[in-house]
mmCIF file of all heavy atoms, coordinates in Angstrom:
data_MODEL
# 
_entry.id   MODEL 
# 
loop_
_atom_site.group_PDB 
_atom_site.id 
_atom_site.type_symbol 
_atom_site.label_atom_id 
_atom_site.label_alt_id 
_atom_site.label_comp_id 
_atom_site.label_asym_id 
_atom_site.label_entity_id 
_atom_site.label_seq_id 
_atom_site.pdbx_PDB_ins_code 
_atom_site.Cartn_x 
_atom_site.Cartn_y 
_atom_site.Cartn_z 
_atom_site.occupancy 
_atom_site.B_iso_or_equiv 
_atom_site.pdbx_formal_charge 
_atom_site.auth_seq_id 
_atom_site.auth_comp_id 
_atom_site.auth_asym_id 
_atom_site.auth_atom_id 
_atom_site.pdbx_PDB_model_num 
ATOM 1   N N   . VAL A 1 1  ? 3.558  2.153   -11.490 1.00 0.00 ? 1  VAL A N   1 
ATOM 2   C CA  . VAL A 1 1  ? 2.367  2.976   -11.719 1.00 0.00 ? 1  VAL A CA  1 
ATOM 3   C C   . VAL A 1 1  ? 1.225  2.535   -10.817 1.00 0.00 ? 1  VAL A C   1 
ATOM 4   O O   . VAL A 1 1  ? 0.520  3.366   -10.227 1.00 0.00 ? 1  VAL A O   1 
ATOM 5   C CB  . VAL A 1 1  ? 1.946  2.915   -13.200 1.00 0.00 ? 1  VAL A CB  1 
ATOM 6   C CG1 . VAL A 1 1  ? 0.627  3.648   -13.409 1.00 0.00 ? 1  VAL A CG1 1 
ATOM 7   C CG2 . VAL A 1 1  ? 3.026  3.523   -14.098 1.00 0.00 ? 1  VAL A CG2 1 
ATOM 8   N N   . LEU A 1 2  ? 1.030  1.199   -10.692 1.00 0.00 ? 2  LEU A N   1 
ATOM 9   C CA  . LEU A 1 2  ? -0.047 0.702   -9.830  1.00 0.00 ? 2  LEU A CA  1 
ATOM 10  C C   . LEU A 1 2  ? 0.170  1.151   -8.393  1.00 0.00 ? 2  LEU A C   1 
ATOM 11  O O   . LEU A 1 2  ? -0.763 1.606   -7.722  1.00 0.00 ? 2  LEU A O   1 
ATOM 12  C CB  . LEU A 1 2  ? -0.137 -0.823  -9.900  1.00 0.00 ? 2  LEU A CB  1 
ATOM 13  C CG  . LEU A 1 2  ? -1.171 -1.469  -8.966  1.00 0.00 ? 2  LEU A CG  1 
ATOM 14  C CD1 . LEU A 1 2  ? -2.580 -0.954  -9.267  1.00 0.00 ? 2  LEU A CD1 1 
ATOM 15  C CD2 . LEU A 1 2  ? -1.115 -2.997  -9.077  1.00 0.00 ? 2  LEU A CD2 1 
ATOM 16  N N   . GLY A 1 3  ? 1.400  1.063   -7.912  1.00 0.00 ? 3  GLY A N   1 
ATOM 17  C CA  . GLY A 1 3  ? 1.690  1.487   -6.543  1.00 0.00 ? 3  GLY A CA  1 
ATOM 18  C C   . GLY A 1 3  ? 1.364  2.957   -6.321  1.00 0.00 ? 3  GLY A C   1 
ATOM 19  O O   . GLY A 1 3  ? 0.820  3.333   -5.274  1.00 0.00 ? 3  GLY A O   1 
ATOM 20  N N   . GLU A 1 4  ? 1.665  3.796   -7.303  1.00 0.00 ? 4  GLU A N   1 
ATOM 21  C CA  . GLU A 1 4  ? 1.360  5.220   -7.179  1.00 0.00 ? 4  GLU A CA  1 
ATOM 22  C C   . GLU A 1 4  ? -0.139 5.452   -7.089  1.00 0.00 ? 4  GLU A C   1 
ATOM 23  O O   . GLU A 1 4  ? -0.615 6.280   -6.303  1.00 0.00 ? 4  GLU A O   1 
ATOM 24  C CB  . GLU A 1 4  ? 1.946  5.969   -8.380  1.00 0.00 ? 4  GLU A CB  1 
ATOM 25  C CG  . GLU A 1 4  ? 3.470  5.997   -8.410  1.00 0.00 ? 4  GLU A CG  1 
ATOM 26  C CD  . GLU A 1 4  ? 4.009  6.621   -9.686  1.00 0.00 ? 4  GLU A CD  1 
ATOM 27  O OE1 . GLU A 1 4  ? 3.178  7.123   -10.485 1.00 0.00 ? 4  GLU A OE1 1 
ATOM 28  O OE2 . GLU A 1 4  ? 5.233  6.600   -9.888  1.00 0.00 ? 4  GLU A OE2 1 
ATOM 29  N N   . ILE A 1 5  ? -0.909 4.703   -7.896  1.00 0.00 ? 5  ILE A N   1 
ATOM 30  C CA  . ILE A 1 5  ? -2.369 4.833   -7.871  1.00 0.00 ? 5  ILE A CA  1 
ATOM 31  C C   . ILE A 1 5  ? -2.917 4.397   -6.514  1.00 0.00 ? 5  ILE A C   1 
ATOM 32  O O   . ILE A 1 5  ? -3.765 5.076   -5.915  1.00 0.00 ? 5  ILE A O   1 
ATOM 33  C CB  . ILE A 1 5  ? -2.997 3.989   -8.997  1.00 0.00 ? 5  ILE A CB  1 
ATOM 34  C CG1 . ILE A 1 5  ? -2.639 4.582   -10.360 1.00 0.00 ? 5  ILE A CG1 1 
ATOM 35  C CG2 . ILE A 1 5  ? -4.519 3.901   -8.835  1.00 0.00 ? 5  ILE A CG2 1 
ATOM 36  C CD1 . ILE A 1 5  ? -3.012 3.706   -11.528 1.00 0.00 ? 5  ILE A CD1 1 
ATOM 37  N N   . LEU A 1 6  ? -2.429 3.263   -6.006  1.00 0.00 ? 6  LEU A N   1 
ATOM 38  C CA  . LEU A 1 6  ? -2.924 2.740   -4.732  1.00 0.00 ? 6  LEU A CA  1 
ATOM 39  C C   . LEU A 1 6  ? -2.577 3.680   -3.576  1.00 0.00 ? 6  LEU A C   1 
ATOM 40  O O   . LEU A 1 6  ? -3.396 3.894   -2.679  1.00 0.00 ? 6  LEU A O   1 
ATOM 41  C CB  . LEU A 1 6  ? -2.336 1.352   -4.475  1.00 0.00 ? 6  LEU A CB  1 
ATOM 42  C CG  . LEU A 1 6  ? -2.674 0.268   -5.510  1.00 0.00 ? 6  LEU A CG  1 
ATOM 43  C CD1 . LEU A 1 6  ? -2.006 -1.047  -5.136  1.00 0.00 ? 6  LEU A CD1 1 
ATOM 44  C CD2 . LEU A 1 6  ? -4.172 0.091   -5.660  1.00 0.00 ? 6  LEU A CD2 1 
ATOM 45  N N   . LYS A 1 7  ? -1.375 4.236   -3.613  1.00 0.00 ? 7  LYS A N   1 
ATOM 46  C CA  . LYS A 1 7  ? -0.955 5.141   -2.537  1.00 0.00 ? 7  LYS A CA  1 
ATOM 47  C C   . LYS A 1 7  ? -1.796 6.407   -2.526  1.00 0.00 ? 7  LYS A C   1 
ATOM 48  O O   . LYS A 1 7  ? -2.208 6.888   -1.464  1.00 0.00 ? 7  LYS A O   1 
ATOM 49  C CB  . LYS A 1 7  ? 0.522  5.486   -2.710  1.00 0.00 ? 7  LYS A CB  1 
ATOM 50  C CG  . LYS A 1 7  ? 1.075  6.370   -1.581  1.00 0.00 ? 7  LYS A CG  1 
ATOM 51  C CD  . LYS A 1 7  ? 2.570  6.611   -1.765  1.00 0.00 ? 7  LYS A CD  1 
ATOM 52  C CE  . LYS A 1 7  ? 3.131  7.442   -0.622  1.00 0.00 ? 7  LYS A CE  1 
ATOM 53  N NZ  . LYS A 1 7  ? 4.598  7.660   -0.777  1.00 0.00 ? 7  LYS A NZ  1 
ATOM 54  N N   . GLU A 1 8  ? -2.073 6.946   -3.705  1.00 0.00 ? 8  GLU A N   1 
ATOM 55  C CA  . GLU A 1 8  ? -2.886 8.165   -3.787  1.00 0.00 ? 8  GLU A CA  1 
ATOM 56  C C   . GLU A 1 8  ? -4.320 7.902   -3.333  1.00 0.00 ? 8  GLU A C   1 
ATOM 57  O O   . GLU A 1 8  ? -4.934 8.738   -2.667  1.00 0.00 ? 8  GLU A O   1 
ATOM 58  C CB  . GLU A 1 8  ? -2.881 8.697   -5.220  1.00 0.00 ? 8  GLU A CB  1 
ATOM 59  C CG  . GLU A 1 8  ? -3.681 9.980   -5.389  1.00 0.00 ? 8  GLU A CG  1 
ATOM 60  C CD  . GLU A 1 8  ? -3.606 10.526  -6.799  1.00 0.00 ? 8  GLU A CD  1 
ATOM 61  O OE1 . GLU A 1 8  ? -2.876 9.960   -7.638  1.00 0.00 ? 8  GLU A OE1 1 
ATOM 62  O OE2 . GLU A 1 8  ? -4.290 11.535  -7.071  1.00 0.00 ? 8  GLU A OE2 1 
ATOM 63  N N   . ASP A 1 9  ? -4.840 6.724   -3.676  1.00 0.00 ? 9  ASP A N   1 
ATOM 64  C CA  . ASP A 1 9  ? -6.232 6.404   -3.362  1.00 0.00 ? 9  ASP A CA  1 
ATOM 65  C C   . ASP A 1 9  ? -6.443 6.086   -1.885  1.00 0.00 ? 9  ASP A C   1 
ATOM 66  O O   . ASP A 1 9  ? -7.480 6.423   -1.310  1.00 0.00 ? 9  ASP A O   1 
ATOM 67  C CB  . ASP A 1 9  ? -6.681 5.209   -4.223  1.00 0.00 ? 9  ASP A CB  1 
ATOM 68  C CG  . ASP A 1 9  ? -8.153 4.901   -4.059  1.00 0.00 ? 9  ASP A CG  1 
ATOM 69  O OD1 . ASP A 1 9  ? -8.976 5.803   -4.270  1.00 0.00 ? 9  ASP A OD1 1 
ATOM 70  O OD2 . ASP A 1 9  ? -8.476 3.748   -3.695  1.00 0.00 ? 9  ASP A OD2 1 
ATOM 71  N N   . ASN A 1 10 ? -5.455 5.431   -1.251  1.00 0.00 ? 10 ASN A N   1 
ATOM 72  C CA  . ASN A 1 10 ? -5.616 5.003   0.142   1.00 0.00 ? 10 ASN A CA  1 
ATOM 73  C C   . ASN A 1 10 ? -4.259 5.044   0.845   1.00 0.00 ? 10 ASN A C   1 
ATOM 74  O O   . ASN A 1 10 ? -3.619 4.007   1.028   1.00 0.00 ? 10 ASN A O   1 
ATOM 75  C CB  . ASN A 1 10 ? -6.212 3.588   0.185   1.00 0.00 ? 10 ASN A CB  1 
ATOM 76  C CG  . ASN A 1 10 ? -6.622 3.150   1.575   1.00 0.00 ? 10 ASN A CG  1 
ATOM 77  O OD1 . ASN A 1 10 ? -6.122 3.667   2.575   1.00 0.00 ? 10 ASN A OD1 1 
ATOM 78  N ND2 . ASN A 1 10 ? -7.519 2.170   1.658   1.00 0.00 ? 10 ASN A ND2 1 
ATOM 79  N N   . PRO A 1 11 ? -3.795 6.234   1.248   1.00 0.00 ? 11 PRO A N   1 
ATOM 80  C CA  . PRO A 1 11 ? -2.446 6.359   1.830   1.00 0.00 ? 11 PRO A CA  1 
ATOM 81  C C   . PRO A 1 11 ? -2.248 5.518   3.086   1.00 0.00 ? 11 PRO A C   1 
ATOM 82  O O   . PRO A 1 11 ? -1.187 4.903   3.255   1.00 0.00 ? 11 PRO A O   1 
ATOM 83  C CB  . PRO A 1 11 ? -2.334 7.856   2.140   1.00 0.00 ? 11 PRO A CB  1 
ATOM 84  C CG  . PRO A 1 11 ? -3.350 8.517   1.274   1.00 0.00 ? 11 PRO A CG  1 
ATOM 85  C CD  . PRO A 1 11 ? -4.460 7.540   1.112   1.00 0.00 ? 11 PRO A CD  1 
ATOM 86  N N   . SER A 1 12 ? -3.243 5.479   3.984   1.00 0.00 ? 12 SER A N   1 
ATOM 87  C CA  . SER A 1 12 ? -3.059 4.736   5.237   1.00 0.00 ? 12 SER A CA  1 
ATOM 88  C C   . SER A 1 12 ? -3.006 3.241   4.972   1.00 0.00 ? 12 SER A C   1 
ATOM 89  O O   . SER A 1 12 ? -2.179 2.511   5.553   1.00 0.00 ? 12 SER A O   1 
ATOM 90  C CB  . SER A 1 12 ? -4.180 5.065   6.225   1.00 0.00 ? 12 SER A CB  1 
ATOM 91  O OG  . SER A 1 12 ? -5.446 4.656   5.724   1.00 0.00 ? 12 SER A OG  1 
ATOM 92  N N   . GLY A 1 13 ? -3.884 2.746   4.091   1.00 0.00 ? 13 GLY A N   1 
ATOM 93  C CA  . GLY A 1 13 ? -3.861 1.326   3.758   1.00 0.00 ? 13 GLY A CA  1 
ATOM 94  C C   . GLY A 1 13 ? -2.585 0.942   3.033   1.00 0.00 ? 13 GLY A C   1 
ATOM 95  O O   . GLY A 1 13 ? -2.028 -0.140  3.257   1.00 0.00 ? 13 GLY A O   1 
ATOM 96  N N   . PHE A 1 14 ? -2.095 1.821   2.169   1.00 0.00 ? 14 PHE A N   1 
ATOM 97  C CA  . PHE A 1 14 ? -0.851 1.572   1.445   1.00 0.00 ? 14 PHE A CA  1 
ATOM 98  C C   . PHE A 1 14 ? 0.311  1.436   2.424   1.00 0.00 ? 14 PHE A C   1 
ATOM 99  O O   . PHE A 1 14 ? 1.130  0.512   2.314   1.00 0.00 ? 14 PHE A O   1 
ATOM 100 C CB  . PHE A 1 14 ? -0.603 2.715   0.471   1.00 0.00 ? 14 PHE A CB  1 
ATOM 101 C CG  . PHE A 1 14 ? 0.612  2.536   -0.392  1.00 0.00 ? 14 PHE A CG  1 
ATOM 102 C CD1 . PHE A 1 14 ? 0.538  1.846   -1.580  1.00 0.00 ? 14 PHE A CD1 1 
ATOM 103 C CD2 . PHE A 1 14 ? 1.836  3.087   -0.011  1.00 0.00 ? 14 PHE A CD2 1 
ATOM 104 C CE1 . PHE A 1 14 ? 1.660  1.691   -2.395  1.00 0.00 ? 14 PHE A CE1 1 
ATOM 105 C CE2 . PHE A 1 14 ? 2.962  2.934   -0.805  1.00 0.00 ? 14 PHE A CE2 1 
ATOM 106 C CZ  . PHE A 1 14 ? 2.872  2.236   -1.992  1.00 0.00 ? 14 PHE A CZ  1 
ATOM 107 N N   . GLU A 1 15 ? 0.383  2.333   3.392   1.00 0.00 ? 15 GLU A N   1 
ATOM 108 C CA  . GLU A 1 15 ? 1.462  2.277   4.369   1.00 0.00 ? 15 GLU A CA  1 
ATOM 109 C C   . GLU A 1 15 ? 1.362  1.019   5.220   1.00 0.00 ? 15 GLU A C   1 
ATOM 110 O O   . GLU A 1 15 ? 2.382  0.382   5.534   1.00 0.00 ? 15 GLU A O   1 
ATOM 111 C CB  . GLU A 1 15 ? 1.421  3.523   5.269   1.00 0.00 ? 15 GLU A CB  1 
ATOM 112 C CG  . GLU A 1 15 ? 2.595  3.639   6.222   1.00 0.00 ? 15 GLU A CG  1 
ATOM 113 C CD  . GLU A 1 15 ? 3.937  3.738   5.520   1.00 0.00 ? 15 GLU A CD  1 
ATOM 114 O OE1 . GLU A 1 15 ? 3.993  4.238   4.381   1.00 0.00 ? 15 GLU A OE1 1 
ATOM 115 O OE2 . GLU A 1 15 ? 4.943  3.293   6.125   1.00 0.00 ? 15 GLU A OE2 1 
ATOM 116 N N   . ARG A 1 16 ? 0.140  0.635   5.584   1.00 0.00 ? 16 ARG A N   1 
ATOM 117 C CA  . ARG A 1 16 ? -0.045 -0.594  6.362   1.00 0.00 ? 16 ARG A CA  1 
ATOM 118 C C   . ARG A 1 16 ? 0.428  -1.811  5.566   1.00 0.00 ? 16 ARG A C   1 
ATOM 119 O O   . ARG A 1 16 ? 1.074  -2.712  6.111   1.00 0.00 ? 16 ARG A O   1 
ATOM 120 C CB  . ARG A 1 16 ? -1.516 -0.743  6.741   1.00 0.00 ? 16 ARG A CB  1 
ATOM 121 C CG  . ARG A 1 16 ? -1.819 -2.025  7.499   1.00 0.00 ? 16 ARG A CG  1 
ATOM 122 C CD  . ARG A 1 16 ? -3.259 -2.075  7.990   1.00 0.00 ? 16 ARG A CD  1 
ATOM 123 N NE  . ARG A 1 16 ? -3.470 -1.119  9.068   1.00 0.00 ? 16 ARG A NE  1 
ATOM 124 C CZ  . ARG A 1 16 ? -4.598 -1.013  9.757   1.00 0.00 ? 16 ARG A CZ  1 
ATOM 125 N NH1 . ARG A 1 16 ? -5.633 -1.803  9.455   1.00 0.00 ? 16 ARG A NH1 1 
ATOM 126 N NH2 . ARG A 1 16 ? -4.723 -0.152  10.730  1.00 0.00 ? 16 ARG A NH2 1 
ATOM 127 N N   . ALA A 1 17 ? 0.132  -1.821  4.266   1.00 0.00 ? 17 ALA A N   1 
ATOM 128 C CA  . ALA A 1 17 ? 0.578  -2.933  3.428   1.00 0.00 ? 17 ALA A CA  1 
ATOM 129 C C   . ALA A 1 17 ? 2.102  -2.957  3.324   1.00 0.00 ? 17 ALA A C   1 
ATOM 130 O O   . ALA A 1 17 ? 2.731  -4.021  3.395   1.00 0.00 ? 17 ALA A O   1 
ATOM 131 C CB  . ALA A 1 17 ? -0.057 -2.819  2.046   1.00 0.00 ? 17 ALA A CB  1 
ATOM 132 N N   . LEU A 1 18 ? 2.711  -1.793  3.166   1.00 0.00 ? 18 LEU A N   1 
ATOM 133 C CA  . LEU A 1 18 ? 4.173  -1.725  3.080   1.00 0.00 ? 18 LEU A CA  1 
ATOM 134 C C   . LEU A 1 18 ? 4.844  -2.291  4.324   1.00 0.00 ? 18 LEU A C   1 
ATOM 135 O O   . LEU A 1 18 ? 5.890  -2.950  4.241   1.00 0.00 ? 18 LEU A O   1 
ATOM 136 C CB  . LEU A 1 18 ? 4.614  -0.271  2.893   1.00 0.00 ? 18 LEU A CB  1 
ATOM 137 C CG  . LEU A 1 18 ? 4.746  0.299   1.492   1.00 0.00 ? 18 LEU A CG  1 
ATOM 138 C CD1 . LEU A 1 18 ? 5.256  1.722   1.572   1.00 0.00 ? 18 LEU A CD1 1 
ATOM 139 C CD2 . LEU A 1 18 ? 5.685  -0.552  0.632   1.00 0.00 ? 18 LEU A CD2 1 
ATOM 140 N N   . GLN A 1 19 ? 4.256  -2.036  5.491   1.00 0.00 ? 19 GLN A N   1 
ATOM 141 C CA  . GLN A 1 19 ? 4.869  -2.436  6.757   1.00 0.00 ? 19 GLN A CA  1 
ATOM 142 C C   . GLN A 1 19 ? 4.547  -3.880  7.143   1.00 0.00 ? 19 GLN A C   1 
ATOM 143 O O   . GLN A 1 19 ? 5.155  -4.410  8.073   1.00 0.00 ? 19 GLN A O   1 
ATOM 144 C CB  . GLN A 1 19 ? 4.404  -1.493  7.874   1.00 0.00 ? 19 GLN A CB  1 
ATOM 145 C CG  . GLN A 1 19 ? 4.798  -0.037  7.672   1.00 0.00 ? 19 GLN A CG  1 
ATOM 146 C CD  . GLN A 1 19 ? 6.302  0.141   7.506   1.00 0.00 ? 19 GLN A CD  1 
ATOM 147 O OE1 . GLN A 1 19 ? 7.097  -0.506  8.194   1.00 0.00 ? 19 GLN A OE1 1 
ATOM 148 N NE2 . GLN A 1 19 ? 6.700  1.011   6.584   1.00 0.00 ? 19 GLN A NE2 1 
ATOM 149 N N   . ALA A 1 20 ? 3.614  -4.513  6.455   1.00 0.00 ? 20 ALA A N   1 
ATOM 150 C CA  . ALA A 1 20 ? 3.228  -5.890  6.803   1.00 0.00 ? 20 ALA A CA  1 
ATOM 151 C C   . ALA A 1 20 ? 4.393  -6.847  6.553   1.00 0.00 ? 20 ALA A C   1 
ATOM 152 O O   . ALA A 1 20 ? 5.082  -6.733  5.543   1.00 0.00 ? 20 ALA A O   1 
ATOM 153 C CB  . ALA A 1 20 ? 2.016  -6.317  5.980   1.00 0.00 ? 20 ALA A CB  1 
ATOM 154 N N   . PRO A 1 21 ? 4.611  -7.803  7.443   1.00 0.00 ? 21 PRO A N   1 
ATOM 155 C CA  . PRO A 1 21 ? 5.735  -8.725  7.237   1.00 0.00 ? 21 PRO A CA  1 
ATOM 156 C C   . PRO A 1 21 ? 5.510  -9.762  6.143   1.00 0.00 ? 21 PRO A C   1 
ATOM 157 O O   . PRO A 1 21 ? 6.469  -10.241 5.532   1.00 0.00 ? 21 PRO A O   1 
ATOM 158 C CB  . PRO A 1 21 ? 5.885  -9.403  8.604   1.00 0.00 ? 21 PRO A CB  1 
ATOM 159 C CG  . PRO A 1 21 ? 4.547  -9.277  9.251   1.00 0.00 ? 21 PRO A CG  1 
ATOM 160 C CD  . PRO A 1 21 ? 3.968  -7.989  8.756   1.00 0.00 ? 21 PRO A CD  1 
ATOM 161 N N   . HIS A 1 22 ? 4.247  -10.115 5.892   1.00 0.00 ? 22 HIS A N   1 
ATOM 162 C CA  . HIS A 1 22 ? 3.962  -11.208 4.964   1.00 0.00 ? 22 HIS A CA  1 
ATOM 163 C C   . HIS A 1 22 ? 2.981  -10.778 3.873   1.00 0.00 ? 22 HIS A C   1 
ATOM 164 O O   . HIS A 1 22 ? 2.187  -9.853  4.057   1.00 0.00 ? 22 HIS A O   1 
ATOM 165 C CB  . HIS A 1 22 ? 3.359  -12.415 5.710   1.00 0.00 ? 22 HIS A CB  1 
ATOM 166 C CG  . HIS A 1 22 ? 4.141  -12.859 6.882   1.00 0.00 ? 22 HIS A CG  1 
ATOM 167 N ND1 . HIS A 1 22 ? 3.579  -13.062 8.130   1.00 0.00 ? 22 HIS A ND1 1 
ATOM 168 C CD2 . HIS A 1 22 ? 5.469  -13.131 7.020   1.00 0.00 ? 22 HIS A CD2 1 
ATOM 169 C CE1 . HIS A 1 22 ? 4.512  -13.444 8.980   1.00 0.00 ? 22 HIS A CE1 1 
ATOM 170 N NE2 . HIS A 1 22 ? 5.675  -13.482 8.337   1.00 0.00 ? 22 HIS A NE2 1 
ATOM 171 N N   . VAL A 1 23 ? 3.050  -11.504 2.751   1.00 0.00 ? 23 VAL A N   1 
ATOM 172 C CA  . VAL A 1 23 ? 2.084  -11.325 1.661   1.00 0.00 ? 23 VAL A CA  1 
ATOM 173 C C   . VAL A 1 23 ? 1.646  -12.710 1.198   1.00 0.00 ? 23 VAL A C   1 
ATOM 174 O O   . VAL A 1 23 ? 2.482  -13.594 0.961   1.00 0.00 ? 23 VAL A O   1 
ATOM 175 C CB  . VAL A 1 23 ? 2.694  -10.572 0.460   1.00 0.00 ? 23 VAL A CB  1 
ATOM 176 C CG1 . VAL A 1 23 ? 1.595  -10.272 -0.573  1.00 0.00 ? 23 VAL A CG1 1 
ATOM 177 C CG2 . VAL A 1 23 ? 3.395  -9.304  0.888   1.00 0.00 ? 23 VAL A CG2 1 
ATOM 178 N N   . LEU A 1 24 ? 0.339  -12.892 1.073   1.00 0.00 ? 24 LEU A N   1 
ATOM 179 C CA  . LEU A 1 24 ? -0.216 -14.107 0.486   1.00 0.00 ? 24 LEU A CA  1 
ATOM 180 C C   . LEU A 1 24 ? -0.793 -13.748 -0.877  1.00 0.00 ? 24 LEU A C   1 
ATOM 181 O O   . LEU A 1 24 ? -1.556 -12.788 -0.996  1.00 0.00 ? 24 LEU A O   1 
ATOM 182 C CB  . LEU A 1 24 ? -1.310 -14.702 1.371   1.00 0.00 ? 24 LEU A CB  1 
ATOM 183 C CG  . LEU A 1 24 ? -0.896 -15.064 2.801   1.00 0.00 ? 24 LEU A CG  1 
ATOM 184 C CD1 . LEU A 1 24 ? -2.099 -15.608 3.569   1.00 0.00 ? 24 LEU A CD1 1 
ATOM 185 C CD2 . LEU A 1 24 ? 0.235  -16.088 2.808   1.00 0.00 ? 24 LEU A CD2 1 
# 
């Protein structure tokens, strides 16, 4: 559910996060 909210609110940022190699 959180992912759906984030994607709807900021599609370009969501896609950038998905493609990032690392997460801290």
